[in-house]
Amino acid sequence: MRANVEIDQAQLRLVLEDLQLPVLVEVMDPFCIICKTMKERLSEVMRGYAGRVIFLRLDINNDLVKEHFKVDAVPTLLYLKKGQVVERQIDFPDKEKIQEVLDRILAA
């Protein structure tokens, strides 16, 4: 199983242009302790969604985060469907809350 993939601005634009699966973007800061814990939590969640959801990590210092997603706190989880943010979590959600949102997006 692959871990969350960190991407840059150019790569994210390509992903947004050609999305087939829902995407969960973890917006993080490499120096944030809570973000490291969130990465571990998401690694657990990923196991149940392999092949159905794309998991990405995006550094909050990336200009696209501020411009496109309007994120100013970490960790933030962005749930995208067809290139559009359909839900966001700015708190520190537990594994079950993340799974609830993913299940709802997949069912829609």
N, C-alpha and C. Protein backbone atom coordinates (compact mmCIF):
# COMPACT_ATOMS: atom_id res chain seq x y z
N MET A 1 0.85 -1.18 0.00
CA MET A 1 0.00 0.00 0.00
C MET A 1 0.89 1.24 0.00
N ARG A 2 0.50 2.24 -0.74
CA ARG A 2 1.26 3.48 -0.83
C ARG A 2 0.84 4.43 0.27
N ALA A 3 1.77 5.20 0.76
CA ALA A 3 1.49 6.23 1.75
C ALA A 3 0.90 7.44 1.04
N ASN A 4 0.44 8.40 1.84
CA ASN A 4 -0.04 9.65 1.26
C ASN A 4 1.06 10.22 0.38
N VAL A 5 0.68 10.81 -0.73
CA VAL A 5 1.64 11.37 -1.68
C VAL A 5 1.67 12.87 -1.52
N GLU A 6 2.87 13.42 -1.34
CA GLU A 6 3.00 14.87 -1.28
C GLU A 6 3.18 15.38 -2.70
N ILE A 7 2.43 16.43 -3.05
CA ILE A 7 2.47 16.94 -4.41
C ILE A 7 2.74 18.44 -4.40
N ASP A 8 3.19 18.95 -5.52
CA ASP A 8 3.43 20.38 -5.63
C ASP A 8 2.29 21.03 -6.43
N GLN A 9 2.39 22.32 -6.62
CA GLN A 9 1.33 23.09 -7.27
C GLN A 9 1.04 22.61 -8.69
N ALA A 10 2.06 22.37 -9.48
CA ALA A 10 1.85 21.92 -10.86
C ALA A 10 1.19 20.55 -10.90
N GLN A 11 1.61 19.64 -10.04
CA GLN A 11 1.02 18.31 -9.99
C GLN A 11 -0.44 18.37 -9.56
N LEU A 12 -0.75 19.24 -8.59
CA LEU A 12 -2.12 19.36 -8.12
C LEU A 12 -3.03 19.86 -9.23
N ARG A 13 -2.56 20.81 -10.01
CA ARG A 13 -3.38 21.32 -11.13
C ARG A 13 -3.71 20.20 -12.10
N LEU A 14 -2.73 19.34 -12.39
CA LEU A 14 -2.98 18.20 -13.29
C LEU A 14 -4.02 17.25 -12.69
N VAL A 15 -3.91 16.98 -11.40
CA VAL A 15 -4.87 16.09 -10.74
C VAL A 15 -6.27 16.68 -10.80
N LEU A 16 -6.38 17.97 -10.55
CA LEU A 16 -7.70 18.62 -10.55
C LEU A 16 -8.35 18.60 -11.93
N GLU A 17 -7.54 18.60 -12.97
CA GLU A 17 -8.08 18.61 -14.33
C GLU A 17 -8.63 17.26 -14.76
N ASP A 18 -8.13 16.18 -14.20
CA ASP A 18 -8.50 14.85 -14.69
C ASP A 18 -8.85 13.90 -13.55
N LEU A 19 -9.81 14.28 -12.75
CA LEU A 19 -10.20 13.45 -11.61
C LEU A 19 -11.29 12.45 -12.01
N GLN A 20 -11.06 11.21 -11.66
CA GLN A 20 -12.08 10.19 -11.84
C GLN A 20 -12.60 9.71 -10.49
N LEU A 21 -11.74 9.72 -9.49
CA LEU A 21 -12.10 9.25 -8.16
C LEU A 21 -12.17 10.44 -7.20
N PRO A 22 -12.91 10.29 -6.10
CA PRO A 22 -12.87 11.32 -5.06
C PRO A 22 -11.45 11.43 -4.51
N VAL A 23 -11.12 12.61 -4.01
CA VAL A 23 -9.78 12.87 -3.49
C VAL A 23 -9.90 13.43 -2.08
N LEU A 24 -9.07 12.92 -1.17
CA LEU A 24 -8.94 13.50 0.15
C LEU A 24 -7.56 14.15 0.20
N VAL A 25 -7.55 15.47 0.36
CA VAL A 25 -6.30 16.22 0.43
C VAL A 25 -6.06 16.60 1.88
N GLU A 26 -4.94 16.17 2.41
CA GLU A 26 -4.53 16.58 3.75
C GLU A 26 -3.62 17.79 3.60
N VAL A 27 -4.07 18.93 4.09
CA VAL A 27 -3.25 20.14 4.07
C VAL A 27 -2.49 20.16 5.39
N MET A 28 -1.16 20.19 5.28
CA MET A 28 -0.33 20.06 6.47
C MET A 28 0.86 21.00 6.40
N ASP A 29 1.58 21.04 7.50
CA ASP A 29 2.85 21.76 7.57
C ASP A 29 3.88 20.73 8.03
N PRO A 30 5.02 20.64 7.37
CA PRO A 30 6.00 19.62 7.72
C PRO A 30 6.52 19.72 9.16
N PHE A 31 6.35 20.86 9.79
CA PHE A 31 6.84 21.05 11.16
C PHE A 31 5.75 20.89 12.21
N CYS A 32 4.55 20.56 11.79
CA CYS A 32 3.40 20.46 12.70
C CYS A 32 3.32 19.06 13.30
N ILE A 33 3.36 18.98 14.63
CA ILE A 33 3.29 17.69 15.32
C ILE A 33 1.92 17.04 15.10
N ILE A 34 0.86 17.81 15.16
CA ILE A 34 -0.49 17.27 14.96
C ILE A 34 -0.62 16.71 13.55
N CYS A 35 0.01 17.37 12.58
CA CYS A 35 -0.04 16.90 11.19
C CYS A 35 0.61 15.52 11.06
N LYS A 36 1.66 15.28 11.81
CA LYS A 36 2.31 13.97 11.77
C LYS A 36 1.37 12.90 12.31
N THR A 37 0.63 13.23 13.34
CA THR A 37 -0.36 12.29 13.89
C THR A 37 -1.49 12.08 12.89
N MET A 38 -1.92 13.14 12.22
CA MET A 38 -2.98 13.02 11.21
C MET A 38 -2.51 12.13 10.06
N LYS A 39 -1.26 12.23 9.68
CA LYS A 39 -0.73 11.39 8.61
C LYS A 39 -0.86 9.91 8.99
N GLU A 40 -0.53 9.58 10.23
CA GLU A 40 -0.66 8.21 10.70
C GLU A 40 -2.12 7.76 10.69
N ARG A 41 -3.01 8.64 11.14
CA ARG A 41 -4.43 8.32 11.16
C ARG A 41 -4.96 8.06 9.76
N LEU A 42 -4.55 8.91 8.81
CA LEU A 42 -5.00 8.74 7.43
C LEU A 42 -4.43 7.47 6.80
N SER A 43 -3.24 7.09 7.20
CA SER A 43 -2.66 5.85 6.69
C SER A 43 -3.53 4.66 7.09
N GLU A 44 -4.09 4.70 8.28
CA GLU A 44 -5.01 3.64 8.71
C GLU A 44 -6.30 3.66 7.89
N VAL A 45 -6.83 4.85 7.64
CA VAL A 45 -8.08 5.00 6.87
C VAL A 45 -7.89 4.52 5.44
N MET A 46 -6.73 4.79 4.87
CA MET A 46 -6.46 4.47 3.46
C MET A 46 -6.69 2.99 3.15
N ARG A 47 -6.40 2.14 4.11
CA ARG A 47 -6.51 0.69 3.87
C ARG A 47 -7.89 0.28 3.38
N GLY A 48 -8.92 0.91 3.88
CA GLY A 48 -10.28 0.55 3.50
C GLY A 48 -10.79 1.21 2.23
N TYR A 49 -9.99 2.10 1.65
CA TYR A 49 -10.46 2.86 0.48
C TYR A 49 -9.54 2.74 -0.72
N ALA A 50 -8.64 1.78 -0.69
CA ALA A 50 -7.71 1.58 -1.81
C ALA A 50 -8.48 1.37 -3.11
N GLY A 51 -8.10 2.10 -4.13
CA GLY A 51 -8.75 1.98 -5.43
C GLY A 51 -10.05 2.75 -5.56
N ARG A 52 -10.52 3.35 -4.47
CA ARG A 52 -11.79 4.10 -4.51
C ARG A 52 -11.61 5.59 -4.20
N VAL A 53 -10.53 5.93 -3.50
CA VAL A 53 -10.27 7.32 -3.12
C VAL A 53 -8.78 7.58 -3.29
N ILE A 54 -8.44 8.76 -3.79
CA ILE A 54 -7.04 9.18 -3.91
C ILE A 54 -6.71 10.02 -2.67
N PHE A 55 -5.62 9.69 -2.02
CA PHE A 55 -5.17 10.41 -0.83
C PHE A 55 -3.91 11.21 -1.18
N LEU A 56 -3.95 12.52 -0.92
CA LEU A 56 -2.82 13.40 -1.21
C LEU A 56 -2.48 14.24 0.01
N ARG A 57 -1.22 14.67 0.08
CA ARG A 57 -0.77 15.61 1.12
C ARG A 57 -0.31 16.87 0.41
N LEU A 58 -0.68 18.01 0.95
CA LEU A 58 -0.31 19.28 0.35
C LEU A 58 0.19 20.22 1.45
N ASP A 59 1.36 20.76 1.25
CA ASP A 59 1.97 21.68 2.22
C ASP A 59 1.21 23.00 2.21
N ILE A 60 0.87 23.50 3.38
CA ILE A 60 0.11 24.75 3.49
C ILE A 60 0.90 25.93 2.92
N ASN A 61 2.21 25.79 2.83
CA ASN A 61 3.03 26.86 2.28
C ASN A 61 2.97 26.95 0.76
N ASN A 62 2.27 26.01 0.14
CA ASN A 62 2.06 26.02 -1.31
C ASN A 62 1.06 27.13 -1.63
N ASP A 63 1.39 28.02 -2.55
CA ASP A 63 0.51 29.15 -2.88
C ASP A 63 -0.88 28.70 -3.32
N LEU A 64 -0.99 27.55 -3.97
CA LEU A 64 -2.29 27.09 -4.44
C LEU A 64 -3.25 26.83 -3.29
N VAL A 65 -2.74 26.41 -2.17
CA VAL A 65 -3.59 26.17 -1.00
C VAL A 65 -4.28 27.46 -0.60
N LYS A 66 -3.52 28.51 -0.51
CA LYS A 66 -4.09 29.80 -0.09
C LYS A 66 -5.01 30.38 -1.17
N GLU A 67 -4.60 30.27 -2.41
CA GLU A 67 -5.37 30.87 -3.50
C GLU A 67 -6.62 30.07 -3.85
N HIS A 68 -6.45 28.79 -4.07
CA HIS A 68 -7.55 27.97 -4.58
C HIS A 68 -8.44 27.40 -3.47
N PHE A 69 -7.83 26.90 -2.42
CA PHE A 69 -8.60 26.22 -1.38
C PHE A 69 -8.94 27.09 -0.18
N LYS A 70 -8.31 28.25 -0.06
CA LYS A 70 -8.57 29.17 1.05
C LYS A 70 -8.36 28.50 2.40
N VAL A 71 -7.23 27.83 2.56
CA VAL A 71 -6.89 27.15 3.80
C VAL A 71 -5.85 27.97 4.54
N ASP A 72 -6.09 28.17 5.85
CA ASP A 72 -5.11 28.90 6.64
C ASP A 72 -4.81 28.24 7.98
N ALA A 73 -5.25 27.00 8.17
CA ALA A 73 -4.98 26.27 9.40
C ALA A 73 -4.62 24.82 9.07
N VAL A 74 -3.76 24.23 9.90
CA VAL A 74 -3.39 22.83 9.70
C VAL A 74 -3.64 22.05 10.99
N PRO A 75 -3.94 20.79 10.86
CA PRO A 75 -4.25 20.09 9.61
C PRO A 75 -5.67 20.42 9.15
N THR A 76 -5.87 20.47 7.86
CA THR A 76 -7.19 20.61 7.25
C THR A 76 -7.35 19.48 6.25
N LEU A 77 -8.51 18.84 6.27
CA LEU A 77 -8.83 17.81 5.30
C LEU A 77 -9.82 18.37 4.31
N LEU A 78 -9.49 18.25 3.02
CA LEU A 78 -10.37 18.69 1.95
C LEU A 78 -10.83 17.46 1.18
N TYR A 79 -12.13 17.35 1.01
CA TYR A 79 -12.72 16.23 0.27
C TYR A 79 -13.19 16.78 -1.07
N LEU A 80 -12.63 16.26 -2.16
CA LEU A 80 -12.96 16.74 -3.49
C LEU A 80 -13.67 15.66 -4.29
N LYS A 81 -14.65 16.12 -5.05
CA LYS A 81 -15.32 15.25 -5.99
C LYS A 81 -15.46 16.03 -7.29
N LYS A 82 -14.99 15.45 -8.38
CA LYS A 82 -15.00 16.11 -9.68
C LYS A 82 -14.31 17.46 -9.62
N GLY A 83 -13.21 17.53 -8.86
CA GLY A 83 -12.40 18.73 -8.80
C GLY A 83 -12.90 19.82 -7.88
N GLN A 84 -14.04 19.60 -7.23
CA GLN A 84 -14.62 20.62 -6.35
C GLN A 84 -14.58 20.15 -4.90
N VAL A 85 -14.29 21.08 -3.99
CA VAL A 85 -14.33 20.76 -2.57
C VAL A 85 -15.79 20.59 -2.17
N VAL A 86 -16.13 19.40 -1.67
CA VAL A 86 -17.49 19.13 -1.25
C VAL A 86 -17.62 19.10 0.27
N GLU A 87 -16.49 19.00 0.95
CA GLU A 87 -16.51 19.04 2.41
C GLU A 87 -15.09 19.35 2.88
N ARG A 88 -15.02 19.94 4.08
CA ARG A 88 -13.72 20.22 4.69
C ARG A 88 -13.83 20.02 6.18
N GLN A 89 -12.75 19.53 6.77
CA GLN A 89 -12.67 19.36 8.22
C GLN A 89 -11.43 20.11 8.69
N ILE A 90 -11.65 21.09 9.57
CA ILE A 90 -10.52 21.88 10.05
C ILE A 90 -10.16 21.53 11.49
N ASP A 91 -10.91 20.64 12.08
CA ASP A 91 -10.55 20.18 13.41
C ASP A 91 -9.62 18.98 13.27
N PHE A 92 -9.51 18.16 14.26
CA PHE A 92 -8.66 16.98 14.22
C PHE A 92 -9.56 15.75 14.29
N PRO A 93 -10.25 15.42 13.17
CA PRO A 93 -11.27 14.37 13.21
C PRO A 93 -10.68 12.99 13.49
N ASP A 94 -11.46 12.19 14.20
CA ASP A 94 -11.02 10.82 14.43
C ASP A 94 -11.26 9.99 13.18
N LYS A 95 -10.74 8.79 13.20
CA LYS A 95 -10.80 7.89 12.05
C LYS A 95 -12.24 7.66 11.59
N GLU A 96 -13.15 7.48 12.52
CA GLU A 96 -14.55 7.21 12.18
C GLU A 96 -15.21 8.39 11.48
N LYS A 97 -14.90 9.61 11.91
CA LYS A 97 -15.48 10.80 11.25
C LYS A 97 -14.97 10.93 9.81
N ILE A 98 -13.71 10.63 9.60
CA ILE A 98 -13.15 10.67 8.25
C ILE A 98 -13.84 9.63 7.38
N GLN A 99 -14.02 8.44 7.91
CA GLN A 99 -14.67 7.36 7.16
C GLN A 99 -16.12 7.71 6.86
N GLU A 100 -16.83 8.36 7.78
CA GLU A 100 -18.21 8.77 7.54
C GLU A 100 -18.30 9.69 6.33
N VAL A 101 -17.40 10.67 6.27
CA VAL A 101 -17.42 11.62 5.15
C VAL A 101 -17.09 10.89 3.85
N LEU A 102 -16.07 10.06 3.86
CA LEU A 102 -15.70 9.33 2.65
C LEU A 102 -16.84 8.43 2.16
N ASP A 103 -17.50 7.74 3.09
CA ASP A 103 -18.62 6.86 2.71
C ASP A 103 -19.76 7.67 2.10
N ARG A 104 -20.03 8.84 2.68
CA ARG A 104 -21.11 9.69 2.16
C ARG A 104 -20.77 10.19 0.74
N ILE A 105 -19.52 10.57 0.53
CA ILE A 105 -19.10 11.05 -0.80
C ILE A 105 -19.14 9.93 -1.82
N LEU A 106 -18.71 8.75 -1.43
CA LEU A 106 -18.73 7.62 -2.35
C LEU A 106 -20.15 7.18 -2.69
N ALA A 107 -21.08 7.35 -1.77
CA ALA A 107 -22.46 6.94 -2.00
C ALA A 107 -23.23 7.93 -2.88
N ALA A 108 -22.75 9.16 -2.92
CA ALA A 108 -23.46 10.21 -3.68
C ALA A 108 -23.27 10.06 -5.17
